[in-house]
Amino acid sequence: MVRRVGDVFKALADSTRRTILDELTDRNGQTLFEICARLCTKHGLGSSRQAISQHLDVLESAGLVETRREGRYKFHYINTGPLRPIVERWLDRPEDAGGRTGGGADPAETERKEGPT
C-alpha cells in the first residue's frame, strides 16, 4: 500500500492520536486495553475503547502504527518510517534559500518571544 504524506499529517493532526504515539514510544507493543488505561490514568482522557480503536485505525492506515496478533490479543507498535519523507523534505536540508543552515530558530517563534520589531 502506497501511503501519502498527507495521510501522515492527517493522522498527526489529532492530539489524541499524537498522545497514543507518545504512549507507544514510552512502551511499545500495547493492546487496546493497555492503551486505553494509560490514556485515562496518565492523561485524563476518557475516550471510549471504540474511539481509541478508531484512532488506532487512522494511525495504522497512515503506517504510523503496525499490529501483530497473538491469540486473541492485538499488539500495537509505533512505526516512524512514514515520518522519514517529511524529515527529508523539510528538516534534513543543509541550507535553505536564505543561506542559514538547518536547525536554526523559527523566525515566527523568535518574533513571538521577542515581540514585533
N, C-alpha and C. Protein backbone atom coordinates (compact mmCIF):
# COMPACT_ATOMS: atom_id res chain seq x y z
N MET A 1 0.84 -1.19 0.00
CA MET A 1 0.00 0.00 0.00
C MET A 1 0.89 1.25 0.00
N VAL A 2 0.62 2.16 -0.92
CA VAL A 2 1.37 3.41 -1.01
C VAL A 2 0.70 4.42 -0.09
N ARG A 3 1.50 4.97 0.81
CA ARG A 3 0.97 5.96 1.75
C ARG A 3 1.44 7.34 1.32
N ARG A 4 0.57 8.31 1.49
CA ARG A 4 0.91 9.67 1.12
C ARG A 4 1.27 10.46 2.37
N VAL A 5 2.09 11.47 2.18
CA VAL A 5 2.48 12.34 3.29
C VAL A 5 1.24 12.98 3.90
N GLY A 6 0.24 13.28 3.07
CA GLY A 6 -1.00 13.88 3.58
C GLY A 6 -1.70 12.99 4.59
N ASP A 7 -1.63 11.66 4.38
CA ASP A 7 -2.24 10.74 5.34
C ASP A 7 -1.53 10.81 6.69
N VAL A 8 -0.22 10.99 6.66
CA VAL A 8 0.55 11.10 7.90
C VAL A 8 0.16 12.39 8.62
N PHE A 9 0.08 13.49 7.88
CA PHE A 9 -0.32 14.76 8.51
C PHE A 9 -1.73 14.67 9.08
N LYS A 10 -2.63 14.04 8.35
CA LYS A 10 -4.00 13.87 8.85
C LYS A 10 -4.00 13.08 10.15
N ALA A 11 -3.20 12.01 10.19
CA ALA A 11 -3.14 11.19 11.40
C ALA A 11 -2.55 11.98 12.57
N LEU A 12 -1.56 12.80 12.29
CA LEU A 12 -0.91 13.57 13.35
C LEU A 12 -1.68 14.82 13.76
N ALA A 13 -2.70 15.18 13.00
CA ALA A 13 -3.45 16.41 13.28
C ALA A 13 -4.25 16.33 14.57
N ASP A 14 -4.58 15.14 15.01
CA ASP A 14 -5.41 14.97 16.20
C ASP A 14 -4.55 14.77 17.44
N SER A 15 -4.82 15.51 18.50
CA SER A 15 -4.00 15.44 19.71
C SER A 15 -4.10 14.07 20.39
N THR A 16 -5.25 13.43 20.33
CA THR A 16 -5.37 12.10 20.93
C THR A 16 -4.48 11.10 20.21
N ARG A 17 -4.42 11.18 18.89
CA ARG A 17 -3.56 10.28 18.14
C ARG A 17 -2.08 10.54 18.44
N ARG A 18 -1.72 11.81 18.61
CA ARG A 18 -0.34 12.11 18.98
C ARG A 18 -0.02 11.56 20.36
N THR A 19 -0.99 11.62 21.27
CA THR A 19 -0.79 11.08 22.61
C THR A 19 -0.65 9.56 22.55
N ILE A 20 -1.42 8.90 21.70
CA ILE A 20 -1.29 7.45 21.53
C ILE A 20 0.12 7.12 21.05
N LEU A 21 0.64 7.87 20.09
CA LEU A 21 2.00 7.64 19.61
C LEU A 21 3.03 7.87 20.72
N ASP A 22 2.79 8.89 21.56
CA ASP A 22 3.67 9.12 22.71
C ASP A 22 3.69 7.91 23.63
N GLU A 23 2.52 7.34 23.87
CA GLU A 23 2.42 6.18 24.74
C GLU A 23 3.12 4.97 24.14
N LEU A 24 2.98 4.79 22.83
CA LEU A 24 3.67 3.67 22.19
C LEU A 24 5.18 3.90 22.16
N THR A 25 5.61 5.15 22.14
CA THR A 25 7.03 5.45 22.23
C THR A 25 7.56 5.08 23.61
N ASP A 26 6.77 5.38 24.64
CA ASP A 26 7.15 5.05 26.01
C ASP A 26 7.16 3.54 26.25
N ARG A 27 6.16 2.86 25.70
CA ARG A 27 6.01 1.42 25.92
C ARG A 27 5.39 0.80 24.68
N ASN A 28 6.21 0.29 23.81
CA ASN A 28 5.77 -0.25 22.54
C ASN A 28 5.13 -1.62 22.74
N GLY A 29 4.21 -1.99 21.84
CA GLY A 29 3.61 -3.32 21.88
C GLY A 29 2.47 -3.45 22.87
N GLN A 30 1.59 -2.47 22.91
CA GLN A 30 0.47 -2.49 23.84
C GLN A 30 -0.82 -2.96 23.16
N THR A 31 -1.70 -3.53 23.97
CA THR A 31 -3.03 -3.89 23.50
C THR A 31 -3.92 -2.67 23.59
N LEU A 32 -5.09 -2.76 22.98
CA LEU A 32 -6.06 -1.66 23.05
C LEU A 32 -6.41 -1.36 24.51
N PHE A 33 -6.62 -2.40 25.31
CA PHE A 33 -6.95 -2.21 26.72
C PHE A 33 -5.85 -1.44 27.44
N GLU A 34 -4.60 -1.81 27.20
CA GLU A 34 -3.48 -1.12 27.85
C GLU A 34 -3.39 0.34 27.42
N ILE A 35 -3.57 0.59 26.14
CA ILE A 35 -3.52 1.97 25.64
C ILE A 35 -4.62 2.80 26.28
N CYS A 36 -5.83 2.27 26.32
CA CYS A 36 -6.96 2.99 26.94
C CYS A 36 -6.67 3.30 28.41
N ALA A 37 -6.15 2.31 29.13
CA ALA A 37 -5.86 2.50 30.55
C ALA A 37 -4.80 3.58 30.76
N ARG A 38 -3.76 3.55 29.95
CA ARG A 38 -2.69 4.55 30.09
C ARG A 38 -3.17 5.95 29.71
N LEU A 39 -4.00 6.05 28.67
CA LEU A 39 -4.53 7.35 28.28
C LEU A 39 -5.40 7.93 29.39
N CYS A 40 -6.16 7.07 30.05
CA CYS A 40 -7.04 7.52 31.13
C CYS A 40 -6.23 7.92 32.36
N THR A 41 -5.31 7.06 32.80
CA THR A 41 -4.60 7.33 34.04
C THR A 41 -3.53 8.41 33.91
N LYS A 42 -2.77 8.39 32.82
CA LYS A 42 -1.68 9.35 32.67
C LYS A 42 -2.11 10.70 32.10
N HIS A 43 -3.16 10.68 31.26
CA HIS A 43 -3.51 11.90 30.53
C HIS A 43 -4.94 12.37 30.81
N GLY A 44 -5.68 11.62 31.59
CA GLY A 44 -7.04 12.03 31.92
C GLY A 44 -8.00 11.99 30.74
N LEU A 45 -7.66 11.23 29.70
CA LEU A 45 -8.54 11.12 28.54
C LEU A 45 -9.58 10.04 28.81
N GLY A 46 -10.83 10.41 28.72
CA GLY A 46 -11.91 9.47 28.99
C GLY A 46 -12.55 8.94 27.72
N SER A 47 -11.77 8.75 26.68
CA SER A 47 -12.32 8.25 25.42
C SER A 47 -12.70 6.79 25.56
N SER A 48 -13.73 6.40 24.82
CA SER A 48 -14.17 5.01 24.84
C SER A 48 -13.17 4.12 24.11
N ARG A 49 -13.25 2.82 24.36
CA ARG A 49 -12.39 1.88 23.66
C ARG A 49 -12.65 1.96 22.16
N GLN A 50 -13.90 2.15 21.78
CA GLN A 50 -14.25 2.24 20.37
C GLN A 50 -13.58 3.46 19.73
N ALA A 51 -13.60 4.59 20.43
CA ALA A 51 -12.98 5.81 19.90
C ALA A 51 -11.47 5.62 19.75
N ILE A 52 -10.83 5.02 20.74
CA ILE A 52 -9.39 4.78 20.66
C ILE A 52 -9.07 3.80 19.54
N SER A 53 -9.92 2.80 19.38
CA SER A 53 -9.75 1.84 18.28
C SER A 53 -9.82 2.54 16.93
N GLN A 54 -10.72 3.50 16.78
CA GLN A 54 -10.83 4.24 15.53
C GLN A 54 -9.59 5.10 15.30
N HIS A 55 -9.07 5.71 16.37
CA HIS A 55 -7.83 6.48 16.26
C HIS A 55 -6.68 5.57 15.83
N LEU A 56 -6.61 4.38 16.40
CA LEU A 56 -5.57 3.43 16.02
C LEU A 56 -5.70 3.02 14.56
N ASP A 57 -6.94 2.89 14.08
CA ASP A 57 -7.16 2.56 12.66
C ASP A 57 -6.60 3.64 11.74
N VAL A 58 -6.80 4.91 12.12
CA VAL A 58 -6.27 6.03 11.31
C VAL A 58 -4.74 5.99 11.32
N LEU A 59 -4.16 5.76 12.51
CA LEU A 59 -2.71 5.69 12.62
C LEU A 59 -2.15 4.51 11.83
N GLU A 60 -2.87 3.40 11.85
CA GLU A 60 -2.43 2.22 11.10
C GLU A 60 -2.55 2.47 9.59
N SER A 61 -3.61 3.13 9.16
CA SER A 61 -3.78 3.45 7.73
C SER A 61 -2.66 4.36 7.23
N ALA A 62 -2.18 5.24 8.10
CA ALA A 62 -1.09 6.14 7.73
C ALA A 62 0.27 5.46 7.85
N GLY A 63 0.28 4.24 8.38
CA GLY A 63 1.53 3.49 8.53
C GLY A 63 2.30 3.81 9.79
N LEU A 64 1.74 4.66 10.66
CA LEU A 64 2.43 5.05 11.89
C LEU A 64 2.32 4.01 12.99
N VAL A 65 1.36 3.10 12.86
CA VAL A 65 1.19 2.01 13.82
C VAL A 65 1.09 0.72 13.04
N GLU A 66 1.79 -0.29 13.53
CA GLU A 66 1.70 -1.64 12.97
C GLU A 66 1.16 -2.55 14.06
N THR A 67 0.48 -3.61 13.65
CA THR A 67 -0.11 -4.51 14.63
C THR A 67 0.37 -5.95 14.41
N ARG A 68 0.29 -6.70 15.50
CA ARG A 68 0.61 -8.12 15.45
C ARG A 68 -0.39 -8.83 16.35
N ARG A 69 -1.02 -9.86 15.79
CA ARG A 69 -1.97 -10.66 16.55
C ARG A 69 -1.25 -11.82 17.21
N GLU A 70 -1.62 -12.05 18.44
CA GLU A 70 -1.11 -13.19 19.20
C GLU A 70 -2.29 -13.76 19.97
N GLY A 71 -2.85 -14.85 19.45
CA GLY A 71 -4.06 -15.39 20.04
C GLY A 71 -5.19 -14.41 19.85
N ARG A 72 -5.86 -14.09 20.93
CA ARG A 72 -6.95 -13.12 20.83
C ARG A 72 -6.52 -11.69 21.10
N TYR A 73 -5.22 -11.49 21.31
CA TYR A 73 -4.69 -10.15 21.58
C TYR A 73 -4.10 -9.55 20.32
N LYS A 74 -4.24 -8.24 20.22
CA LYS A 74 -3.67 -7.49 19.11
C LYS A 74 -2.73 -6.45 19.72
N PHE A 75 -1.47 -6.53 19.38
CA PHE A 75 -0.47 -5.63 19.92
C PHE A 75 -0.15 -4.53 18.91
N HIS A 76 0.02 -3.31 19.41
CA HIS A 76 0.24 -2.14 18.58
C HIS A 76 1.66 -1.63 18.78
N TYR A 77 2.33 -1.34 17.66
CA TYR A 77 3.72 -0.88 17.67
C TYR A 77 3.83 0.39 16.84
N ILE A 78 4.64 1.33 17.33
CA ILE A 78 4.87 2.55 16.58
C ILE A 78 5.83 2.25 15.42
N ASN A 79 5.60 2.91 14.29
CA ASN A 79 6.45 2.81 13.11
C ASN A 79 6.76 4.24 12.66
N THR A 80 7.98 4.66 12.82
CA THR A 80 8.35 6.03 12.46
C THR A 80 8.76 6.17 10.99
N GLY A 81 8.76 5.08 10.25
CA GLY A 81 9.15 5.11 8.84
C GLY A 81 8.40 6.15 8.00
N PRO A 82 7.06 6.27 8.15
CA PRO A 82 6.34 7.25 7.34
C PRO A 82 6.72 8.71 7.63
N LEU A 83 7.43 8.95 8.73
CA LEU A 83 7.87 10.32 9.03
C LEU A 83 9.12 10.69 8.24
N ARG A 84 9.83 9.69 7.74
CA ARG A 84 11.09 9.94 7.03
C ARG A 84 10.95 10.90 5.85
N PRO A 85 9.93 10.73 4.97
CA PRO A 85 9.81 11.68 3.85
C PRO A 85 9.58 13.12 4.33
N ILE A 86 8.93 13.29 5.45
CA ILE A 86 8.70 14.63 5.99
C ILE A 86 10.02 15.23 6.47
N VAL A 87 10.78 14.43 7.20
CA VAL A 87 12.08 14.88 7.69
C VAL A 87 13.00 15.20 6.52
N GLU A 88 13.04 14.33 5.53
CA GLU A 88 13.91 14.56 4.38
C GLU A 88 13.49 15.78 3.59
N ARG A 89 12.20 16.03 3.53
CA ARG A 89 11.71 17.15 2.72
C ARG A 89 11.98 18.49 3.38
N TRP A 90 11.76 18.58 4.70
CA TRP A 90 11.82 19.89 5.33
C TRP A 90 12.88 20.05 6.41
N LEU A 91 13.36 18.97 6.98
CA LEU A 91 14.27 19.12 8.11
C LEU A 91 15.71 18.75 7.81
N ASP A 92 15.95 17.85 6.88
CA ASP A 92 17.31 17.42 6.58
C ASP A 92 17.93 18.20 5.43
N ARG A 93 17.60 19.45 5.33
CA ARG A 93 18.15 20.28 4.26
C ARG A 93 19.39 20.98 4.79
N PRO A 94 20.51 20.88 4.08
CA PRO A 94 21.74 21.51 4.58
C PRO A 94 21.64 23.04 4.65
N GLU A 95 20.94 23.62 3.69
CA GLU A 95 20.77 25.08 3.70
C GLU A 95 19.43 25.41 3.09
N ASP A 96 18.81 26.45 3.62
CA ASP A 96 17.58 26.90 2.99
C ASP A 96 17.89 28.07 2.06
N ALA A 97 16.87 28.64 1.48
CA ALA A 97 17.07 29.71 0.48
C ALA A 97 17.78 30.92 1.06
N GLY A 98 17.67 31.16 2.36
CA GLY A 98 18.30 32.31 2.99
C GLY A 98 19.75 32.09 3.36
N GLY A 99 20.27 30.90 3.12
CA GLY A 99 21.66 30.64 3.43
C GLY A 99 21.92 30.14 4.83
N ARG A 100 20.89 30.05 5.65
CA ARG A 100 21.05 29.53 7.00
C ARG A 100 21.22 28.02 6.94
N THR A 101 21.89 27.46 7.90
CA THR A 101 21.98 26.02 7.98
C THR A 101 20.74 25.50 8.68
N GLY A 102 20.40 24.22 8.45
CA GLY A 102 19.24 23.60 9.07
C GLY A 102 19.32 23.66 10.58
N GLY A 103 18.17 23.63 11.23
CA GLY A 103 18.11 23.62 12.68
C GLY A 103 18.09 25.00 13.30
N GLY A 104 18.04 26.05 12.48
CA GLY A 104 18.00 27.40 13.01
C GLY A 104 16.67 27.71 13.65
N ALA A 105 16.61 28.81 14.35
CA ALA A 105 15.37 29.21 15.02
C ALA A 105 14.30 29.57 14.00
N ASP A 106 13.09 29.25 14.34
CA ASP A 106 11.95 29.58 13.51
C ASP A 106 11.69 31.08 13.64
N PRO A 107 11.71 31.84 12.54
CA PRO A 107 11.51 33.29 12.63
C PRO A 107 10.20 33.67 13.32
N ALA A 108 9.14 32.92 13.08
CA ALA A 108 7.85 33.23 13.72
C ALA A 108 7.95 33.03 15.22
N GLU A 109 8.65 31.96 15.65
CA GLU A 109 8.81 31.69 17.08
C GLU A 109 9.65 32.79 17.74
N THR A 110 10.72 33.23 17.07
CA THR A 110 11.56 34.29 17.59
C THR A 110 10.76 35.57 17.77
N GLU A 111 9.90 35.88 16.78
CA GLU A 111 9.08 37.09 16.87
C GLU A 111 8.11 37.01 18.03
N ARG A 112 7.53 35.84 18.28
CA ARG A 112 6.59 35.70 19.39
C ARG A 112 7.29 35.93 20.71
N LYS A 113 8.53 35.44 20.85
CA LYS A 113 9.28 35.58 22.10
C LYS A 113 9.74 37.01 22.32
N GLU A 114 10.24 37.64 21.24
CA GLU A 114 10.84 38.96 21.36
C GLU A 114 9.85 40.08 21.10
N GLY A 115 8.75 39.80 20.48
CA GLY A 115 7.81 40.82 20.12
C GLY A 115 8.13 41.40 18.76
N PRO A 116 7.21 42.15 18.16
CA PRO A 116 7.46 42.70 16.82
C PRO A 116 8.59 43.73 16.87
N THR A 117 9.30 43.85 15.76
CA THR A 117 10.41 44.80 15.71
C THR A 117 9.99 46.08 15.06
